[in-house]
C-alpha atoms as a PDB file:
ATOM      1  CA  UNK A   1     -13.483   7.769  18.264  1.00  0.00           C
ATOM      2  CA  UNK A   2     -14.364   6.356  14.877  1.00  0.00           C
ATOM      3  CA  UNK A   3     -17.472   4.291  15.671  1.00  0.00           C
ATOM      4  CA  UNK A   4     -17.620   2.744  12.214  1.00  0.00           C
ATOM      5  CA  UNK A   5     -14.072   1.377  12.532  1.00  0.00           C
ATOM      6  CA  UNK A   6     -14.785   0.230  16.083  1.00  0.00           C
ATOM      7  CA  UNK A   7     -17.867  -1.704  15.041  1.00  0.00           C
ATOM      8  CA  UNK A   8     -16.074  -3.206  12.023  1.00  0.00           C
ATOM      9  CA  UNK A   9     -13.125  -4.392  14.112  1.00  0.00           C
ATOM     10  CA  UNK A  10     -15.405  -5.708  16.868  1.00  0.00           C
ATOM     11  CA  UNK A  11     -17.607  -7.618  14.442  1.00  0.00           C
ATOM     12  CA  UNK A  12     -14.659  -9.063  12.505  1.00  0.00           C
ATOM     13  CA  UNK A  13     -12.799 -10.253  15.598  1.00  0.00           C
ATOM     14  CA  UNK A  14     -15.976 -11.516  17.275  1.00  0.00           C
ATOM     15  CA  UNK A  15     -16.939 -13.631  14.256  1.00  0.00           C
ATOM     16  CA  UNK A  16     -13.353 -14.853  13.769  1.00  0.00           C
ATOM     17  CA  UNK A  17     -13.129 -15.974  17.396  1.00  0.00           C
ATOM     18  CA  UNK A  18     -16.414 -17.909  17.434  1.00  0.00           C
ATOM     19  CA  UNK A  19     -15.757 -21.625  17.362  1.00  0.00           C
ATOM     20  CA  UNK A  20     -12.005 -21.377  16.931  1.00  0.00           C
ATOM     21  CA  UNK A  21      -9.401 -23.342  18.890  1.00  0.00           C
ATOM     22  CA  UNK A  22      -9.101 -20.572  21.476  1.00  0.00           C
ATOM     23  CA  UNK A  23     -12.782 -20.672  22.310  1.00  0.00           C
ATOM     24  CA  UNK A  24     -12.755 -24.470  22.441  1.00  0.00           C
ATOM     25  CA  UNK A  25      -9.756 -24.420  24.805  1.00  0.00           C
ATOM     26  CA  UNK A  26     -11.524 -21.865  27.000  1.00  0.00           C
ATOM     27  CA  UNK A  27     -14.633 -24.050  27.087  1.00  0.00           C
ATOM     28  CA  UNK A  28     -12.474 -27.017  28.089  1.00  0.00           C
ATOM     29  CA  UNK A  29     -10.897 -25.099  30.973  1.00  0.00           C
ATOM     30  CA  UNK A  30     -14.306 -23.803  32.077  1.00  0.00           C
ATOM     31  CA  UNK A  31     -15.748 -27.325  32.093  1.00  0.00           C
ATOM     32  CA  UNK A  32     -13.420 -28.314  34.963  1.00  0.00           C
ATOM     33  CA  UNK A  33     -15.552 -28.223  38.119  1.00  0.00           C
ATOM     34  CA  UNK A  34     -12.513 -27.378  40.262  1.00  0.00           C
ATOM     35  CA  UNK A  35     -11.573 -24.301  38.225  1.00  0.00           C
ATOM     36  CA  UNK A  36     -13.055 -20.878  38.882  1.00  0.00           C
ATOM     37  CA  UNK A  37     -15.056 -19.657  35.888  1.00  0.00           C
ATOM     38  CA  UNK A  38     -13.960 -16.110  36.721  1.00  0.00           C
ATOM     39  CA  UNK A  39     -10.310 -17.208  36.537  1.00  0.00           C
ATOM     40  CA  UNK A  40     -10.886 -18.786  33.121  1.00  0.00           C
ATOM     41  CA  UNK A  41     -12.714 -15.670  31.898  1.00  0.00           C
ATOM     42  CA  UNK A  42     -10.002 -13.294  33.130  1.00  0.00           C
ATOM     43  CA  UNK A  43      -7.192 -15.450  31.717  1.00  0.00           C
ATOM     44  CA  UNK A  44      -8.848 -15.789  28.311  1.00  0.00           C
ATOM     45  CA  UNK A  45      -9.717 -12.088  28.226  1.00  0.00           C
ATOM     46  CA  UNK A  46      -6.183 -10.996  29.080  1.00  0.00           C
ATOM     47  CA  UNK A  47      -4.773 -13.334  26.434  1.00  0.00           C
ATOM     48  CA  UNK A  48      -7.051 -11.850  23.766  1.00  0.00           C
ATOM     49  CA  UNK A  49      -6.184  -8.300  24.857  1.00  0.00           C
ATOM     50  CA  UNK A  50      -2.447  -9.051  24.694  1.00  0.00           C
ATOM     51  CA  UNK A  51      -2.616 -10.740  21.285  1.00  0.00           C
ATOM     52  CA  UNK A  52      -4.695  -7.818  19.994  1.00  0.00           C
ATOM     53  CA  UNK A  53      -2.113  -5.343  21.329  1.00  0.00           C
ATOM     54  CA  UNK A  54       0.638  -7.259  19.544  1.00  0.00           C
ATOM     55  CA  UNK A  55      -1.435  -7.167  16.342  1.00  0.00           C
ATOM     56  CA  UNK A  56      -1.949  -3.409  16.617  1.00  0.00           C
ATOM     57  CA  UNK A  57       1.751  -2.797  17.306  1.00  0.00           C
ATOM     58  CA  UNK A  58       2.844  -5.055  14.442  1.00  0.00           C
ATOM     59  CA  UNK A  59       0.344  -3.430  12.086  1.00  0.00           C
ATOM     60  CA  UNK A  60       1.632   0.010  13.010  1.00  0.00           C
ATOM     61  CA  UNK A  61       5.232  -0.957  12.308  1.00  0.00           C
ATOM     62  CA  UNK A  62       4.499  -2.822   9.064  1.00  0.00           C
ATOM     63  CA  UNK A  63       2.313   0.023   7.753  1.00  0.00           C
ATOM     64  CA  UNK A  64       5.337   2.342   7.879  1.00  0.00           C
ATOM     65  CA  UNK A  65       7.083   0.204   5.241  1.00  0.00           C
ATOM     66  CA  UNK A  66       4.251  -1.328   3.210  1.00  0.00           C
ATOM     67  CA  UNK A  67       1.291   0.467   1.639  1.00  0.00           C
ATOM     68  CA  UNK A  68      -2.215  -0.128   2.963  1.00  0.00           C
ATOM     69  CA  UNK A  69      -3.349  -1.476  -0.404  1.00  0.00           C
ATOM     70  CA  UNK A  70      -0.532  -4.040  -0.469  1.00  0.00           C
ATOM     71  CA  UNK A  71      -1.394  -5.117   3.091  1.00  0.00           C
ATOM     72  CA  UNK A  72      -5.035  -5.564   2.073  1.00  0.00           C
ATOM     73  CA  UNK A  73      -4.025  -7.771  -0.865  1.00  0.00           C
ATOM     74  CA  UNK A  74      -1.636  -9.837   1.257  1.00  0.00           C
ATOM     75  CA  UNK A  75      -4.271 -10.276   3.994  1.00  0.00           C
ATOM     76  CA  UNK A  76      -6.903 -11.239   1.425  1.00  0.00           C
ATOM     77  CA  UNK A  77      -4.625 -13.776  -0.230  1.00  0.00           C
ATOM     78  CA  UNK A  78      -3.695 -15.124   3.204  1.00  0.00           C
ATOM     79  CA  UNK A  79      -7.337 -15.609   4.206  1.00  0.00           C
ATOM     80  CA  UNK A  80      -8.123 -17.304   0.890  1.00  0.00           C
ATOM     81  CA  UNK A  81      -5.099 -19.604   1.298  1.00  0.00           C
ATOM     82  CA  UNK A  82      -6.165 -20.533   4.837  1.00  0.00           C
ATOM     83  CA  UNK A  83      -9.699 -21.222   3.580  1.00  0.00           C
ATOM     84  CA  UNK A  84      -8.447 -23.464   0.778  1.00  0.00           C
ATOM     85  CA  UNK A  85      -6.085 -25.272   3.152  1.00  0.00           C
ATOM     86  CA  UNK A  86      -8.967 -25.817   5.602  1.00  0.00           C
ATOM     87  CA  UNK A  87     -11.179 -27.223   2.857  1.00  0.00           C
ATOM     88  CA  UNK A  88      -8.432 -29.542   1.595  1.00  0.00           C
ATOM     89  CA  UNK A  89      -7.724 -30.829   5.112  1.00  0.00           C
ATOM     90  CA  UNK A  90     -11.437 -31.417   5.890  1.00  0.00           C
END
């Protein structure tokens, strides 16, 4: 196992997930006194695992047709565009 890649992916996803709509929705569900906190945790965890699996599968397929460097540029431009859009909408 490549521990450097593991820690990079973990840190990136962890920071990206903090305070996003998914976490806010999870907090909303957990705030319901009639809902099991374990159920909310398991549901949110499974959703994140599934979306991550889809991301890995999609990345594997796309990387067969597009170079890693091109993907890095596209991802970087995408993140910058989302940041600008967020600032404009604020």
